[in-house]
Amino acid sequence: MFTYLRRGTRRNTAARLRLIAALAVVTCGVLGWAGAVPAASASIIPVPPDGPYGPAPAPAVRLIAAGGMPGWQITLIAVAAALAAAAAAVVLDRARASRRTASTTG
């Protein structure tokens, strides 16, 4: 499946960069979509008082909600950022190491 990655050092690095770029584009697209969906579904649609559904009922209980982000979401974001940074560090270290060995042999 990934046999094109083993042809040569330069082509191998270029193919990896293209693969990383493609994954980054897909990830950004999914994150953008995931960020837009909750914002679109959170809109309040006003109902006219004498519309087809009748008058809007008065709320029975007042709910006081505190704002902020739950702790599990903060933890999930921190873990994802740490994994992304670690993966980028490994890829960059391997690319640097392969460049170093290729330049010293020639």
C-alpha atoms as a PDB file:
ATOM      1  CA  MET A   1       0.000   0.000   0.000  1.00  0.00           C
ATOM      2  CA  PHE A   2       2.768   2.438   0.924  1.00  0.00           C
ATOM      3  CA  THR A   3       5.459   1.017  -1.357  1.00  0.00           C
ATOM      4  CA  TYR A   4       5.998   4.405  -2.973  1.00  0.00           C
ATOM      5  CA  LEU A   5       7.485   5.610   0.324  1.00  0.00           C
ATOM      6  CA  ARG A   6      10.547   3.328  -0.045  1.00  0.00           C
ATOM      7  CA  ARG A   7      11.983   4.457  -3.406  1.00  0.00           C
ATOM      8  CA  GLY A   8      14.524   7.034  -2.330  1.00  0.00           C
ATOM      9  CA  THR A   9      15.470   9.407   0.431  1.00  0.00           C
ATOM     10  CA  ARG A  10      14.221  12.572  -1.225  1.00  0.00           C
ATOM     11  CA  ARG A  11      11.085  11.002  -2.591  1.00  0.00           C
ATOM     12  CA  ASN A  12      10.482   9.315   0.736  1.00  0.00           C
ATOM     13  CA  THR A  13      10.637  12.632   2.590  1.00  0.00           C
ATOM     14  CA  ALA A  14       8.456  14.357   0.000  1.00  0.00           C
ATOM     15  CA  ALA A  15       5.890  11.570   0.130  1.00  0.00           C
ATOM     16  CA  ARG A  16       5.791  11.738   3.916  1.00  0.00           C
ATOM     17  CA  LEU A  17       5.333  15.501   3.826  1.00  0.00           C
ATOM     18  CA  ARG A  18       2.475  15.134   1.346  1.00  0.00           C
ATOM     19  CA  LEU A  19       0.874  12.495   3.545  1.00  0.00           C
ATOM     20  CA  ILE A  20       1.242  14.714   6.624  1.00  0.00           C
ATOM     21  CA  ALA A  21      -0.183  17.694   4.718  1.00  0.00           C
ATOM     22  CA  ALA A  22      -3.166  15.631   3.558  1.00  0.00           C
ATOM     23  CA  LEU A  23      -3.830  14.432   7.108  1.00  0.00           C
ATOM     24  CA  ALA A  24      -3.560  18.003   8.397  1.00  0.00           C
ATOM     25  CA  VAL A  25      -6.102  19.209   5.827  1.00  0.00           C
ATOM     26  CA  VAL A  26      -8.535  16.431   6.715  1.00  0.00           C
ATOM     27  CA  THR A  27      -8.084  17.075  10.439  1.00  0.00           C
ATOM     28  CA  CYS A  28      -8.695  20.807  10.049  1.00  0.00           C
ATOM     29  CA  GLY A  29     -11.789  20.106   7.964  1.00  0.00           C
ATOM     30  CA  VAL A  30     -13.225  17.735  10.563  1.00  0.00           C
ATOM     31  CA  LEU A  31     -12.450  20.134  13.415  1.00  0.00           C
ATOM     32  CA  GLY A  32     -14.024  23.026  11.515  1.00  0.00           C
ATOM     33  CA  TRP A  33     -17.129  20.978  10.853  1.00  0.00           C
ATOM     34  CA  ALA A  34     -17.298  19.808  14.480  1.00  0.00           C
ATOM     35  CA  GLY A  35     -17.024  23.408  15.662  1.00  0.00           C
ATOM     36  CA  ALA A  36     -19.737  24.654  13.329  1.00  0.00           C
ATOM     37  CA  VAL A  37     -22.342  21.972  14.055  1.00  0.00           C
ATOM     38  CA  PRO A  38     -22.964  22.839  17.734  1.00  0.00           C
ATOM     39  CA  ALA A  39     -23.081  26.552  16.918  1.00  0.00           C
ATOM     40  CA  ALA A  40     -25.664  25.975  14.187  1.00  0.00           C
ATOM     41  CA  SER A  41     -27.869  23.737  16.299  1.00  0.00           C
ATOM     42  CA  ALA A  42     -27.786  26.056  19.317  1.00  0.00           C
ATOM     43  CA  SER A  43     -29.786  28.823  17.692  1.00  0.00           C
ATOM     44  CA  ILE A  44     -33.150  29.687  19.242  1.00  0.00           C
ATOM     45  CA  ILE A  45     -36.009  29.815  16.786  1.00  0.00           C
ATOM     46  CA  PRO A  46     -38.657  32.272  17.993  1.00  0.00           C
ATOM     47  CA  VAL A  47     -42.254  31.060  17.931  1.00  0.00           C
ATOM     48  CA  PRO A  48     -44.879  33.746  17.281  1.00  0.00           C
ATOM     49  CA  PRO A  49     -47.470  34.076  20.095  1.00  0.00           C
ATOM     50  CA  ASP A  50     -50.469  33.227  17.909  1.00  0.00           C
ATOM     51  CA  GLY A  51     -48.771  30.949  15.420  1.00  0.00           C
ATOM     52  CA  PRO A  52     -49.783  27.509  14.200  1.00  0.00           C
ATOM     53  CA  TYR A  53     -48.573  25.923  17.444  1.00  0.00           C
ATOM     54  CA  GLY A  54     -50.523  28.211  19.753  1.00  0.00           C
ATOM     55  CA  PRO A  55     -49.077  30.471  22.419  1.00  0.00           C
ATOM     56  CA  ALA A  56     -45.675  29.622  23.818  1.00  0.00           C
ATOM     57  CA  PRO A  57     -45.933  28.192  27.352  1.00  0.00           C
ATOM     58  CA  ALA A  58     -44.271  30.103  30.152  1.00  0.00           C
ATOM     59  CA  PRO A  59     -41.256  28.413  31.644  1.00  0.00           C
ATOM     60  CA  ALA A  60     -42.125  26.653  34.884  1.00  0.00           C
ATOM     61  CA  VAL A  61     -38.665  26.605  36.423  1.00  0.00           C
ATOM     62  CA  ARG A  62     -35.838  29.088  36.131  1.00  0.00           C
ATOM     63  CA  LEU A  63     -32.521  27.435  35.487  1.00  0.00           C
ATOM     64  CA  ILE A  64     -29.325  29.159  36.474  1.00  0.00           C
ATOM     65  CA  ALA A  65     -26.418  27.717  34.555  1.00  0.00           C
ATOM     66  CA  ALA A  66     -22.798  28.570  35.121  1.00  0.00           C
ATOM     67  CA  GLY A  67     -20.640  29.056  32.060  1.00  0.00           C
ATOM     68  CA  GLY A  68     -17.293  27.504  31.375  1.00  0.00           C
ATOM     69  CA  MET A  69     -15.782  24.402  29.904  1.00  0.00           C
ATOM     70  CA  PRO A  70     -15.989  21.038  31.691  1.00  0.00           C
ATOM     71  CA  GLY A  71     -12.750  19.579  32.989  1.00  0.00           C
ATOM     72  CA  TRP A  72     -12.884  16.509  30.738  1.00  0.00           C
ATOM     73  CA  GLN A  73     -12.891  18.722  27.642  1.00  0.00           C
ATOM     74  CA  ILE A  74      -9.853  20.640  28.886  1.00  0.00           C
ATOM     75  CA  THR A  75      -8.083  17.352  29.587  1.00  0.00           C
ATOM     76  CA  LEU A  76      -8.995  15.989  26.161  1.00  0.00           C
ATOM     77  CA  ILE A  77      -7.665  19.097  24.424  1.00  0.00           C
ATOM     78  CA  ALA A  78      -4.424  18.959  26.432  1.00  0.00           C
ATOM     79  CA  VAL A  79      -3.893  15.261  25.652  1.00  0.00           C
ATOM     80  CA  ALA A  80      -4.587  15.784  21.948  1.00  0.00           C
ATOM     81  CA  ALA A  81      -2.154  18.704  21.811  1.00  0.00           C
ATOM     82  CA  ALA A  82       0.525  16.656  23.593  1.00  0.00           C
ATOM     83  CA  LEU A  83       0.062  13.739  21.180  1.00  0.00           C
ATOM     84  CA  ALA A  84       0.223  16.045  18.162  1.00  0.00           C
ATOM     85  CA  ALA A  85       3.391  17.699  19.470  1.00  0.00           C
ATOM     86  CA  ALA A  86       4.998  14.320  20.179  1.00  0.00           C
ATOM     87  CA  ALA A  87       4.134  13.004  16.713  1.00  0.00           C
ATOM     88  CA  ALA A  88       5.528  16.136  15.071  1.00  0.00           C
ATOM     89  CA  ALA A  89       8.710  15.879  17.147  1.00  0.00           C
ATOM     90  CA  VAL A  90       9.229  12.232  16.141  1.00  0.00           C
ATOM     91  CA  VAL A  91       8.658  12.964  12.445  1.00  0.00           C
ATOM     92  CA  LEU A  92      11.015  15.947  12.497  1.00  0.00           C
ATOM     93  CA  ASP A  93      13.667  14.017  14.429  1.00  0.00           C
ATOM     94  CA  ARG A  94      13.555  11.114  11.977  1.00  0.00           C
ATOM     95  CA  ALA A  95      13.725  13.458   8.999  1.00  0.00           C
ATOM     96  CA  ARG A  96      16.699  15.230  10.556  1.00  0.00           C
ATOM     97  CA  ALA A  97      18.448  11.956  11.373  1.00  0.00           C
ATOM     98  CA  SER A  98      17.976  10.600   7.848  1.00  0.00           C
ATOM     99  CA  ARG A  99      19.355  13.815   6.397  1.00  0.00           C
ATOM    100  CA  ARG A 100      22.378  13.656   8.689  1.00  0.00           C
ATOM    101  CA  THR A 101      23.297  10.076   7.722  1.00  0.00           C
ATOM    102  CA  ALA A 102      22.736  10.730   4.019  1.00  0.00           C
ATOM    103  CA  SER A 103      25.019  13.789   3.998  1.00  0.00           C
ATOM    104  CA  THR A 104      27.880  12.144   5.927  1.00  0.00           C
ATOM    105  CA  THR A 105      28.093   9.089   3.656  1.00  0.00           C
ATOM    106  CA  GLY A 106      28.520  11.048   0.429  1.00  0.00           C
END
